[in-house]
N, C-alpha and C. Protein backbone atom coordinates (compact mmCIF):
# COMPACT_ATOMS: atom_id res chain seq x y z
N SER A 1 0.82 -1.17 0.03
CA SER A 1 0.00 0.04 -0.12
C SER A 1 1.31 1.23 0.04
N MET A 2 0.17 2.39 -0.69
CA MET A 2 0.96 3.25 -0.62
C MET A 2 1.25 4.36 0.56
N ILE A 3 2.48 4.81 0.46
CA ILE A 3 3.07 5.26 2.32
C ILE A 3 3.12 6.92 1.91
N ILE A 4 2.47 7.49 2.81
CA ILE A 4 2.65 9.44 2.66
C ILE A 4 3.14 9.42 4.18
N ASP A 5 4.33 9.82 4.52
CA ASP A 5 5.12 10.38 5.74
C ASP A 5 4.60 9.18 6.67
N ASP A 6 5.07 8.37 6.49
CA ASP A 6 4.68 6.98 7.19
C ASP A 6 3.31 6.66 7.88
N GLU A 7 2.15 7.39 6.96
CA GLU A 7 1.02 6.88 7.26
C GLU A 7 0.37 6.69 5.70
N THR A 8 -0.54 5.39 5.86
CA THR A 8 -0.75 4.48 4.52
C THR A 8 -2.04 5.68 4.35
N ILE A 9 -2.33 5.16 3.08
CA ILE A 9 -3.81 6.01 3.02
C ILE A 9 -5.26 5.36 3.59
N LYS A 10 -5.13 4.54 4.05
CA LYS A 10 -6.37 3.99 4.73
C LYS A 10 -6.05 4.82 6.13
N GLU A 11 -5.13 5.23 6.73
CA GLU A 11 -4.93 5.81 8.06
C GLU A 11 -5.37 7.01 7.94
N VAL A 12 -5.02 7.46 6.88
CA VAL A 12 -5.22 9.02 6.62
C VAL A 12 -6.70 9.30 6.54
N TYR A 13 -7.45 7.94 5.85
CA TYR A 13 -9.18 8.21 5.37
C TYR A 13 -9.67 7.90 7.03
N GLN A 14 -9.20 6.92 7.96
CA GLN A 14 -9.84 6.53 9.17
C GLN A 14 -9.41 7.75 9.69
N GLY A 15 -8.49 7.92 10.55
CA GLY A 15 -8.06 9.12 11.24
C GLY A 15 -8.16 10.60 10.94
N CYS A 16 -8.71 10.80 9.68
CA CYS A 16 -8.71 12.36 9.37
C CYS A 16 -9.76 12.72 8.72
N ILE A 17 -10.14 12.03 7.39
CA ILE A 17 -11.24 12.54 6.34
C ILE A 17 -12.43 12.12 7.32
N LYS A 18 -12.61 10.30 7.53
CA LYS A 18 -13.80 9.74 8.23
C LYS A 18 -14.28 11.03 9.46
N SER A 19 -13.35 10.98 10.06
CA SER A 19 -13.92 12.05 11.50
C SER A 19 -14.05 12.90 11.39
N SER A 20 -13.68 13.82 10.11
CA SER A 20 -14.12 15.16 10.28
C SER A 20 -15.48 15.09 9.21
N THR A 21 -15.53 13.83 8.82
CA THR A 21 -17.04 14.18 8.03
C THR A 21 -17.81 14.03 8.95
N LYS A 22 -17.62 12.61 9.85
CA LYS A 22 -18.44 12.61 11.20
C LYS A 22 -18.61 13.51 11.85
N GLN A 23 -17.87 14.64 12.19
CA GLN A 23 -18.28 16.02 12.49
C GLN A 23 -18.88 16.77 12.15
N VAL A 24 -19.18 16.87 10.52
CA VAL A 24 -19.77 18.18 10.13
C VAL A 24 -20.98 17.78 9.76
N LEU A 25 -21.50 16.14 9.39
CA LEU A 25 -22.09 16.01 8.99
C LEU A 25 -23.94 16.43 9.63
N PRO A 26 -23.83 16.27 10.99
CA PRO A 26 -24.62 17.21 11.97
C PRO A 26 -25.05 18.11 11.53
N TYR A 27 -24.10 19.51 11.46
CA TYR A 27 -24.20 20.51 11.03
C TYR A 27 -25.02 20.52 9.93
N ILE A 28 -24.57 20.07 9.14
CA ILE A 28 -24.57 20.16 7.39
C ILE A 28 -26.41 20.00 7.35
N GLY A 29 -26.82 19.01 8.21
CA GLY A 29 -28.24 18.18 8.68
C GLY A 29 -28.68 19.37 8.94
N ILE A 30 -28.16 19.78 9.91
CA ILE A 30 -29.37 20.86 10.34
C ILE A 30 -29.62 22.20 9.77
N LEU A 31 -28.52 22.36 8.51
CA LEU A 31 -28.45 23.17 7.86
C LEU A 31 -29.48 23.50 7.05
N LEU A 32 -29.40 21.92 6.08
CA LEU A 32 -30.21 21.24 5.17
C LEU A 32 -32.02 21.82 5.56
N GLY A 33 -31.85 20.79 6.71
CA GLY A 33 -33.20 20.99 7.11
C GLY A 33 -33.80 22.17 7.55
N CYS A 34 -33.07 23.39 7.81
CA CYS A 34 -33.30 24.13 8.72
C CYS A 34 -33.61 25.08 6.97
N GLY A 35 -32.80 25.17 6.26
CA GLY A 35 -33.01 25.72 5.00
C GLY A 35 -34.35 24.74 4.53
N LEU A 36 -34.59 24.10 4.12
CA LEU A 36 -35.74 23.51 3.58
C LEU A 36 -37.03 24.03 4.28
N LEU A 37 -37.16 23.72 5.52
CA LEU A 37 -38.05 24.67 6.39
C LEU A 37 -38.43 25.54 5.97
N GLN A 38 -37.13 26.46 6.09
CA GLN A 38 -38.14 28.12 5.89
C GLN A 38 -38.40 28.00 4.13
N ARG A 39 -37.65 26.90 3.35
CA ARG A 39 -38.50 27.10 1.76
C ARG A 39 -39.72 26.72 1.73
N LEU A 40 -40.08 25.82 2.29
CA LEU A 40 -41.39 24.85 2.44
C LEU A 40 -42.21 26.31 3.25
N LEU A 41 -42.52 26.57 4.62
CA LEU A 41 -43.00 27.59 4.59
C LEU A 41 -43.16 28.91 3.80
N TRP A 42 -42.33 29.43 3.36
CA TRP A 42 -42.36 30.32 2.44
C TRP A 42 -43.17 30.23 1.12
N GLU A 43 -43.52 28.51 0.72
CA GLU A 43 -44.22 28.58 -0.88
C GLU A 43 -45.49 28.47 -0.04
N LEU A 44 -45.48 27.54 1.36
CA LEU A 44 -47.29 27.43 2.05
C LEU A 44 -47.45 28.80 1.81
N VAL A 45 -46.88 29.53 2.40
CA VAL A 45 -47.41 31.37 2.32
C VAL A 45 -47.67 32.00 1.25
N LYS A 46 -46.60 31.88 -0.37
CA LYS A 46 -47.08 32.42 -1.32
C LYS A 46 -48.00 31.34 -1.86
N ARG A 47 -48.60 30.17 -1.81
CA ARG A 47 -50.14 29.82 -2.22
C ARG A 47 -50.81 30.12 -1.59
N THR A 48 -50.53 30.11 -0.44
CA THR A 48 -51.64 30.49 0.24
C THR A 48 -52.24 32.25 0.36
N TRP A 49 -51.20 33.04 -0.01
CA TRP A 49 -51.56 34.60 0.39
C TRP A 49 -51.32 35.31 -1.21
N GLY A 50 -50.28 34.50 -1.51
CA GLY A 50 -49.54 35.55 -2.91
C GLY A 50 -48.32 36.01 -2.26
N TYR A 51 -47.73 36.73 -2.98
CA TYR A 51 -46.63 37.56 -2.71
C TYR A 51 -46.24 39.01 -1.87
N ARG A 52 -48.08 38.97 -1.39
CA ARG A 52 -48.24 40.77 -0.85
C ARG A 52 -47.64 40.65 0.41
N TYR A 53 -47.06 39.48 0.91
CA TYR A 53 -46.63 39.40 2.59
C TYR A 53 -45.52 39.21 2.49
N GLN A 54 -44.77 40.43 2.37
CA GLN A 54 -42.75 39.83 2.22
C GLN A 54 -42.28 40.19 3.23
N GLY A 55 -43.28 40.74 4.85
CA GLY A 55 -42.49 40.70 6.04
C GLY A 55 -42.44 38.87 6.56
N VAL A 56 -43.48 38.05 6.03
CA VAL A 56 -43.96 36.82 5.94
C VAL A 56 -41.92 36.09 5.97
N TYR A 57 -41.44 36.42 4.57
CA TYR A 57 -40.63 35.75 4.30
C TYR A 57 -39.07 35.93 4.94
N HIS A 58 -39.29 37.13 5.51
CA HIS A 58 -38.37 37.70 6.80
C HIS A 58 -38.57 36.94 7.86
N VAL A 59 -39.19 37.31 8.42
CA VAL A 59 -39.97 36.17 9.59
C VAL A 59 -40.02 34.80 9.58
N THR A 60 -40.11 33.59 8.42
CA THR A 60 -39.38 32.89 8.59
C THR A 60 -38.08 32.46 8.46
N SER A 61 -37.32 33.00 7.42
CA SER A 61 -35.77 33.21 7.53
C SER A 61 -35.40 33.63 9.12
N LEU A 62 -36.22 34.57 9.73
CA LEU A 62 -35.43 34.63 11.38
C LEU A 62 -35.76 33.09 11.85
N ILE A 63 -36.88 32.88 11.94
CA ILE A 63 -37.09 31.91 12.82
C ILE A 63 -36.42 30.55 12.39
N CYS A 64 -36.32 30.25 11.28
CA CYS A 64 -35.44 29.29 10.92
C CYS A 64 -34.08 29.41 10.98
N GLY A 65 -33.41 30.98 10.85
CA GLY A 65 -32.26 30.67 11.47
C GLY A 65 -32.17 30.84 12.88
N LEU A 66 -32.75 31.04 13.62
CA LEU A 66 -32.58 30.76 15.35
C LEU A 66 -32.62 29.38 15.60
N LEU A 67 -33.59 29.07 15.11
CA LEU A 67 -33.75 27.30 14.86
C LEU A 67 -32.31 26.85 14.79
N SER A 68 -31.87 27.07 13.32
CA SER A 68 -30.27 26.30 13.22
C SER A 68 -29.29 26.82 14.27
N LEU A 69 -29.10 27.83 14.45
CA LEU A 69 -28.67 28.60 16.13
C LEU A 69 -28.89 27.83 16.90
N TRP A 70 -30.15 27.73 17.28
CA TRP A 70 -30.28 27.07 18.51
C TRP A 70 -29.89 25.66 18.95
N PHE A 71 -29.80 24.58 17.58
CA PHE A 71 -29.31 23.36 17.44
C PHE A 71 -27.76 23.13 17.51
N TYR A 72 -26.88 24.33 16.96
CA TYR A 72 -25.76 24.35 16.86
C TYR A 72 -25.24 24.69 18.08
N VAL A 73 -25.69 25.81 18.90
CA VAL A 73 -24.77 26.31 20.04
C VAL A 73 -25.90 26.31 21.41
N GLY A 74 -26.88 25.94 20.99
CA GLY A 74 -28.00 25.76 21.95
C GLY A 74 -28.12 27.24 22.34
N LEU A 75 -28.17 27.22 24.00
CA LEU A 75 -28.48 28.54 24.49
C LEU A 75 -27.51 29.60 24.52
N ASN A 76 -26.28 29.27 23.82
CA ASN A 76 -25.27 30.40 23.79
C ASN A 76 -25.91 31.28 22.50
N SER A 77 -27.00 30.33 21.46
CA SER A 77 -27.87 31.47 20.30
C SER A 77 -28.15 32.95 20.79
N ILE A 78 -28.50 32.88 22.17
CA ILE A 78 -28.71 34.51 22.60
C ILE A 78 -28.05 35.39 22.39
N TYR A 79 -26.89 35.26 22.79
CA TYR A 79 -25.44 35.93 22.47
C TYR A 79 -25.62 36.50 20.57
N VAL A 80 -25.45 35.57 20.20
CA VAL A 80 -26.20 36.28 18.74
C VAL A 80 -26.82 36.61 18.15
N PHE A 81 -27.80 36.66 18.53
CA PHE A 81 -29.40 36.62 18.45
C PHE A 81 -29.01 38.61 19.18
N VAL A 82 -28.75 38.57 20.03
CA VAL A 82 -28.29 39.99 21.03
C VAL A 82 -27.64 40.90 20.45
N HIS A 83 -26.24 40.09 19.68
CA HIS A 83 -25.10 41.30 18.81
C HIS A 83 -26.40 41.59 17.41
N VAL A 84 -27.33 40.78 16.99
CA VAL A 84 -27.77 41.02 15.80
C VAL A 84 -28.77 42.24 15.71
N ILE A 85 -29.37 41.93 17.35
CA ILE A 85 -30.42 43.55 17.48
C ILE A 85 -29.44 44.56 17.64
N ASN A 86 -28.52 44.58 18.12
CA ASN A 86 -27.40 45.44 18.92
C ASN A 86 -27.23 46.40 17.59
N LEU A 87 -26.52 45.13 16.60
CA LEU A 87 -25.99 46.05 15.60
C LEU A 87 -26.79 46.52 14.68
N CYS A 88 -28.10 46.63 14.63
CA CYS A 88 -28.91 46.88 13.54
C CYS A 88 -29.79 48.02 14.28
N VAL A 89 -29.50 48.37 15.81
CA VAL A 89 -30.13 49.21 16.24
C VAL A 89 -29.08 50.33 16.20
N PHE A 90 -27.72 50.17 16.22
CA PHE A 90 -26.61 50.73 16.06
C PHE A 90 -26.97 51.15 14.88
N LEU A 91 -26.91 50.45 14.01
CA LEU A 91 -27.06 50.94 12.16
C LEU A 91 -27.89 52.26 11.97
N TRP A 92 -29.44 51.86 12.51
CA TRP A 92 -30.39 52.34 12.92
C TRP A 92 -29.88 54.14 13.49
N LEU A 93 -29.39 53.65 14.45
CA LEU A 93 -29.07 55.35 15.28
C LEU A 93 -27.85 55.98 14.48
N ILE A 94 -26.94 55.26 13.94
CA ILE A 94 -26.28 56.33 12.85
C ILE A 94 -26.83 56.58 11.67
N ILE A 95 -27.63 55.75 11.68
CA ILE A 95 -28.95 56.64 10.40
C ILE A 95 -29.04 57.64 10.67
N ARG A 96 -30.03 57.45 11.50
CA ARG A 96 -31.04 58.98 12.23
C ARG A 96 -30.22 59.71 12.67
N ILE A 97 -28.88 59.92 13.17
CA ILE A 97 -27.97 60.91 13.75
C ILE A 97 -27.50 61.51 12.54
N GLY A 98 -27.49 60.69 11.32
CA GLY A 98 -27.11 61.93 9.90
C GLY A 98 -25.59 61.54 9.31
N VAL A 99 -24.83 60.59 10.06
CA VAL A 99 -23.63 59.84 9.41
C VAL A 99 -23.65 59.49 8.51
N MET A 100 -24.46 59.42 7.20
CA MET A 100 -24.70 58.91 6.29
C MET A 100 -23.42 58.69 5.36
N ARG A 101 -22.35 59.67 5.32
CA ARG A 101 -21.36 59.27 4.47
C ARG A 101 -20.29 58.41 4.97
N ASN A 102 -20.23 58.57 6.46
CA ASN A 102 -19.30 57.41 7.20
C ASN A 102 -20.05 56.20 7.77
N THR A 103 -20.94 55.55 6.99
CA THR A 103 -21.96 54.76 7.99
C THR A 103 -21.12 53.27 7.88
N GLY A 104 -21.21 52.96 7.01
CA GLY A 104 -20.04 51.72 7.00
C GLY A 104 -18.56 51.70 8.38
N VAL A 105 -18.22 52.50 8.29
CA VAL A 105 -16.75 52.93 8.75
C VAL A 105 -17.20 52.72 10.00
N TRP A 106 -18.34 53.41 10.64
CA TRP A 106 -19.00 53.07 12.08
C TRP A 106 -19.72 51.72 12.58
N LEU A 107 -19.83 51.36 11.32
CA LEU A 107 -20.17 49.66 11.95
C LEU A 107 -19.40 49.17 12.06
N CYS A 108 -18.23 49.17 11.36
CA CYS A 108 -17.02 48.52 11.49
C CYS A 108 -16.45 48.75 12.57
N VAL A 109 -16.09 49.79 13.02
CA VAL A 109 -15.40 50.03 14.39
C VAL A 109 -16.37 49.45 15.67
N TYR A 110 -17.48 49.98 15.25
CA TYR A 110 -18.50 49.40 16.72
C TYR A 110 -18.50 47.68 16.75
N THR A 111 -18.65 46.92 15.56
CA THR A 111 -18.48 45.62 15.20
C THR A 111 -17.41 45.40 16.03
N ILE A 112 -16.62 45.79 15.77
CA ILE A 112 -14.91 45.52 16.44
C ILE A 112 -14.67 45.35 17.80
N VAL A 113 -15.36 46.80 18.45
CA VAL A 113 -15.73 46.88 19.77
C VAL A 113 -16.46 45.53 20.24
N CYS A 114 -17.44 45.41 19.72
CA CYS A 114 -18.76 44.82 20.29
C CYS A 114 -17.87 43.02 20.79
N GLN A 115 -17.40 42.48 19.33
CA GLN A 115 -16.76 41.52 19.30
C GLN A 115 -15.15 41.29 20.39
N LEU A 116 -15.16 42.42 21.02
CA LEU A 116 -14.12 42.26 21.71
C LEU A 116 -14.60 42.28 23.54
N ILE A 117 -15.62 42.93 23.39
CA ILE A 117 -16.22 42.82 24.38
C ILE A 117 -17.36 41.67 24.78
N PHE A 118 -17.74 41.22 23.90
CA PHE A 118 -18.23 39.72 23.89
C PHE A 118 -17.09 38.84 24.15
N GLU A 119 -15.52 38.58 23.25
CA GLU A 119 -14.63 38.15 24.16
C GLU A 119 -13.99 38.00 25.47
N CYS A 120 -14.67 39.44 26.13
CA CYS A 120 -13.98 39.61 27.45
C CYS A 120 -15.15 39.17 27.98
N LEU A 121 -16.30 39.03 28.05
CA LEU A 121 -17.36 38.98 28.81
C LEU A 121 -18.01 37.25 29.03
N LEU A 122 -17.29 36.55 28.28
CA LEU A 122 -17.96 35.25 28.25
C LEU A 122 -16.56 34.53 28.41
N THR A 123 -17.10 33.22 28.74
CA THR A 123 -16.13 32.24 29.01
C THR A 123 -15.55 31.96 27.76
N THR A 124 -13.98 31.52 27.67
CA THR A 124 -13.64 31.26 26.23
C THR A 124 -14.05 30.13 25.42
N GLU A 125 -15.12 29.02 26.06
CA GLU A 125 -15.70 28.44 25.48
C GLU A 125 -17.17 28.45 24.74
N HIS A 126 -17.65 29.83 26.11
CA HIS A 126 -18.82 30.06 25.28
C HIS A 126 -18.90 31.36 24.02
N TYR A 127 -17.12 31.69 24.23
CA TYR A 127 -17.37 32.50 23.00
C TYR A 127 -16.53 31.90 21.89
N GLU A 128 -16.21 30.54 21.90
CA GLU A 128 -15.91 30.12 20.37
C GLU A 128 -16.77 29.46 19.66
N ASN A 129 -17.84 29.18 20.41
CA ASN A 129 -19.01 28.80 20.13
C ASN A 129 -19.57 29.72 18.95
N ILE A 130 -19.39 30.52 19.59
CA ILE A 130 -20.22 31.73 18.37
C ILE A 130 -19.70 32.56 17.84
N ARG A 131 -18.32 32.60 17.67
CA ARG A 131 -17.35 33.01 17.01
C ARG A 131 -17.74 33.20 15.74
N GLY A 132 -17.78 31.98 15.29
CA GLY A 132 -18.15 31.83 13.81
C GLY A 132 -19.55 32.67 13.42
N PRO A 133 -20.23 32.25 13.83
CA PRO A 133 -21.82 32.94 13.84
C PRO A 133 -21.98 34.38 13.94
N GLN A 134 -21.11 34.71 14.82
CA GLN A 134 -20.87 36.48 14.76
C GLN A 134 -20.16 36.87 13.78
N MET A 135 -19.29 36.60 13.18
CA MET A 135 -18.61 37.17 12.46
C MET A 135 -19.10 37.04 11.06
N VAL A 136 -20.20 35.85 10.71
CA VAL A 136 -20.83 35.85 9.63
C VAL A 136 -22.13 36.96 9.59
N VAL A 137 -22.57 37.45 10.68
CA VAL A 137 -23.83 38.36 11.16
C VAL A 137 -23.09 39.78 10.75
N SER A 138 -21.49 39.59 11.39
CA SER A 138 -21.12 41.33 11.39
C SER A 138 -20.71 41.59 9.66
N MET A 139 -19.92 40.30 9.15
CA MET A 139 -19.47 40.93 7.48
C MET A 139 -20.83 41.24 7.04
N LYS A 140 -21.86 40.24 7.09
CA LYS A 140 -23.01 41.24 6.66
C LYS A 140 -23.45 42.36 6.30
N LEU A 141 -23.68 42.60 8.01
CA LEU A 141 -23.95 43.86 8.48
C LEU A 141 -23.16 44.76 8.10
N ILE A 142 -21.63 44.61 7.86
CA ILE A 142 -20.80 45.77 7.29
C ILE A 142 -21.20 45.90 6.02
N SER A 143 -21.51 45.07 5.32
CA SER A 143 -21.53 45.10 3.77
C SER A 143 -23.04 46.32 3.68
N LEU A 144 -24.18 45.72 4.40
CA LEU A 144 -25.20 46.40 3.97
C LEU A 144 -25.18 47.84 4.65
N ALA A 145 -24.06 48.18 5.44
CA ALA A 145 -23.80 49.82 6.04
C ALA A 145 -23.46 50.10 4.65
N PHE A 146 -22.25 49.69 4.17
CA PHE A 146 -21.54 50.20 2.84
C PHE A 146 -22.66 50.34 1.84
N ASP A 147 -23.46 49.70 1.98
CA ASP A 147 -24.84 49.87 0.54
C ASP A 147 -25.51 50.71 0.74
N ILE A 148 -25.73 51.26 2.08
CA ILE A 148 -26.48 51.92 2.69
C ILE A 148 -26.08 53.60 2.57
N GLN A 149 -24.69 53.56 3.02
CA GLN A 149 -23.64 54.89 2.92
C GLN A 149 -23.55 54.81 1.34
N ASN A 150 -23.40 54.04 0.13
CA ASN A 150 -23.68 54.69 -0.97
C ASN A 150 -24.78 54.44 -1.55
N SER A 151 -25.65 54.91 -1.07
CA SER A 151 -26.88 55.09 -1.23
C SER A 151 -27.72 53.59 -2.49
N LYS A 152 -27.26 52.76 -2.14
CA LYS A 152 -27.59 50.97 -2.88
C LYS A 152 -29.09 50.42 -2.09
N GLU A 153 -28.97 50.94 -0.98
CA GLU A 153 -30.04 50.24 -0.24
C GLU A 153 -30.58 51.21 1.25
N LYS A 154 -31.74 50.81 1.53
CA LYS A 154 -32.41 51.40 2.11
C LYS A 154 -32.28 50.35 3.50
N TYR A 155 -32.56 51.40 5.04
CA TYR A 155 -32.62 50.61 5.98
C TYR A 155 -34.04 49.96 6.01
N GLN A 156 -34.08 48.63 6.54
CA GLN A 156 -35.64 47.70 6.38
C GLN A 156 -35.14 46.66 7.82
N PHE A 157 -35.19 47.57 8.61
CA PHE A 157 -35.11 46.25 10.07
C PHE A 157 -35.55 45.04 10.06
N LEU A 158 -36.58 44.38 9.68
CA LEU A 158 -37.35 42.98 9.34
C LEU A 158 -36.13 42.23 8.47
N ALA A 159 -36.24 43.02 7.06
CA ALA A 159 -35.25 42.62 6.03
C ALA A 159 -34.41 42.30 6.62
N PHE A 160 -33.65 42.84 7.28
CA PHE A 160 -31.89 42.94 7.47
C PHE A 160 -32.02 41.85 8.78
N ILE A 161 -32.99 41.94 9.87
CA ILE A 161 -32.84 40.62 10.43
C ILE A 161 -33.08 39.42 10.16
N GLY A 162 -34.05 39.13 8.79
CA GLY A 162 -34.18 38.13 8.47
C GLY A 162 -33.12 37.70 7.55
N TYR A 163 -31.99 38.74 6.46
CA TYR A 163 -30.94 38.73 6.47
C TYR A 163 -30.14 38.21 6.72
N LEU A 164 -30.18 38.50 8.14
CA LEU A 164 -28.66 38.46 9.01
C LEU A 164 -28.91 36.75 9.83
N LEU A 165 -29.92 36.32 9.86
CA LEU A 165 -30.19 35.22 10.25
C LEU A 165 -30.24 34.33 9.61
N CYS A 166 -30.83 34.20 8.03
CA CYS A 166 -30.76 33.30 6.75
C CYS A 166 -30.04 32.36 7.53
N PRO A 167 -30.96 30.49 7.53
CA PRO A 167 -30.01 29.78 8.01
C PRO A 167 -29.12 29.26 6.96
N SER A 168 -28.89 29.53 5.68
CA SER A 168 -28.19 28.75 4.20
C SER A 168 -26.93 29.43 4.77
N SER A 169 -26.62 30.42 5.36
CA SER A 169 -25.45 30.80 5.23
C SER A 169 -25.16 31.33 7.35
N LEU A 170 -26.02 31.16 8.04
CA LEU A 170 -25.48 32.03 9.55
C LEU A 170 -24.44 30.94 10.19
N ILE A 171 -24.47 29.94 9.86
CA ILE A 171 -23.40 28.77 10.64
C ILE A 171 -22.09 28.81 10.11
N LEU A 172 -21.93 28.21 8.56
CA LEU A 172 -20.80 27.88 8.25
C LEU A 172 -20.57 29.10 7.45
N GLY A 173 -21.22 29.84 7.03
CA GLY A 173 -20.89 31.05 5.84
C GLY A 173 -22.01 30.27 4.53
N PRO A 174 -21.44 30.72 3.79
CA PRO A 174 -20.49 31.89 2.96
C PRO A 174 -21.69 33.03 3.08
N TRP A 175 -20.72 34.31 3.11
CA TRP A 175 -21.40 35.63 3.59
C TRP A 175 -21.95 35.56 2.06
N VAL A 176 -23.25 35.99 1.76
CA VAL A 176 -24.12 36.24 0.82
C VAL A 176 -24.29 37.57 0.60
N ALA A 177 -24.35 38.15 -0.34
CA ALA A 177 -25.09 39.43 -0.45
C ALA A 177 -26.53 39.67 -0.45
N PHE A 178 -27.22 40.84 -0.04
CA PHE A 178 -28.23 41.52 0.74
C PHE A 178 -29.12 41.14 -0.71
N LYS A 179 -28.87 41.51 -2.03
CA LYS A 179 -29.37 41.52 -3.26
C LYS A 179 -29.84 39.86 -3.45
N ASP A 180 -28.86 38.97 -3.26
CA ASP A 180 -29.19 37.83 -3.33
C ASP A 180 -29.91 36.86 -2.46
N TYR A 181 -30.06 37.28 -1.04
CA TYR A 181 -30.88 36.74 0.25
C TYR A 181 -32.56 36.51 -0.72
N LYS A 182 -32.94 37.75 -1.18
CA LYS A 182 -34.52 37.22 -1.78
C LYS A 182 -35.07 37.59 -3.66
N PRO A 183 -33.82 36.80 -3.90
CA PRO A 183 -34.18 37.12 -5.14
C PRO A 183 -35.26 36.78 -6.18
N VAL A 184 -36.10 35.69 -5.65
CA VAL A 184 -37.43 35.38 -5.91
C VAL A 184 -38.55 36.61 -5.65
N LEU A 185 -38.26 36.70 -4.32
CA LEU A 185 -39.72 37.83 -3.76
C LEU A 185 -38.98 38.99 -4.59
N ASN A 186 -37.90 39.35 -5.25
CA ASN A 186 -37.56 40.57 -6.10
C ASN A 186 -38.70 40.66 -6.74
N VAL A 187 -38.44 39.51 -7.59
CA VAL A 187 -38.68 39.77 -9.42
C VAL A 187 -40.27 39.14 -9.27
N LYS A 188 -41.06 38.46 -8.30
CA LYS A 188 -42.49 38.33 -8.19
C LYS A 188 -42.98 39.66 -8.00
N LEU A 189 -42.42 40.85 -6.92
CA LEU A 189 -43.12 41.89 -6.47
C LEU A 189 -42.14 42.49 -7.74
N ARG A 190 -41.70 42.21 -8.91
CA ARG A 190 -41.88 43.33 -9.74
C ARG A 190 -42.66 43.50 -10.79
N LYS A 191 -43.36 42.06 -10.99
CA LYS A 191 -44.47 41.68 -11.69
C LYS A 191 -45.47 42.41 -11.35
N LEU A 192 -45.98 41.73 -9.86
CA LEU A 192 -46.77 42.63 -9.10
C LEU A 192 -47.26 44.26 -9.47
N GLN A 193 -46.02 44.83 -9.75
CA GLN A 193 -46.09 46.04 -9.81
C GLN A 193 -46.51 46.55 -11.23
N GLN A 194 -46.46 45.76 -11.58
CA GLN A 194 -46.30 46.03 -13.49
C GLN A 194 -47.56 46.23 -13.62
C-alpha cells in the first residue's frame, strides 16, 4: 500500500477524513433541514396569500435561522441574537443621527468593539461557540452599511434581521449579498407592480 509520511492512505482516511466528516455531517443536516423548512414555509405562504406579505419571508428566515442556531450552539444562541439586534439598532441610530457618509466605517468600528466586549465577558468556551456565527452576521451587516452609505439600499429592520439570521449562511457561511437573499421575492414583486 502507498505510504505518505509514514501513514497509509487507509490511516489518513480513518484518522482524518472519516472523523472530520462525522463531525461536520450533523451541522450540514441542521442547515439543510432548517433551509428546507424555511423554503417550505415560504412556499406555503406564497400559495396561500401570494407575494403580498414580504414580512413573512423575513420572519420565516429569522425563525428558521434561530432554530438552526439553537441546534448548533444551544443556549448560547441568545448572544448571537443580541449581537444582531444590537448591530441593527446601532445602524439605525447612526443613520438617524445623519452620519450617512461614514455609515460603513462607524459600523466596522462598532462591530470590532462589540466582538472584543463579547470575548472579554464570555468564557473562552462560550465565545468560541458563537464566534463563527457572530463573524458571519458582522460581515453581512457591514456590507449592508456600506450599501446604505452608497445609497444602494435603504434601512429595513425586519428584512435585515431576516437576512442576517438566514439559516443557509448563518452557521458556516458563506457571506451572501443582501440582493441575493431574496431574489425570488424581488422578481415576483416587480411583476405585481407592473
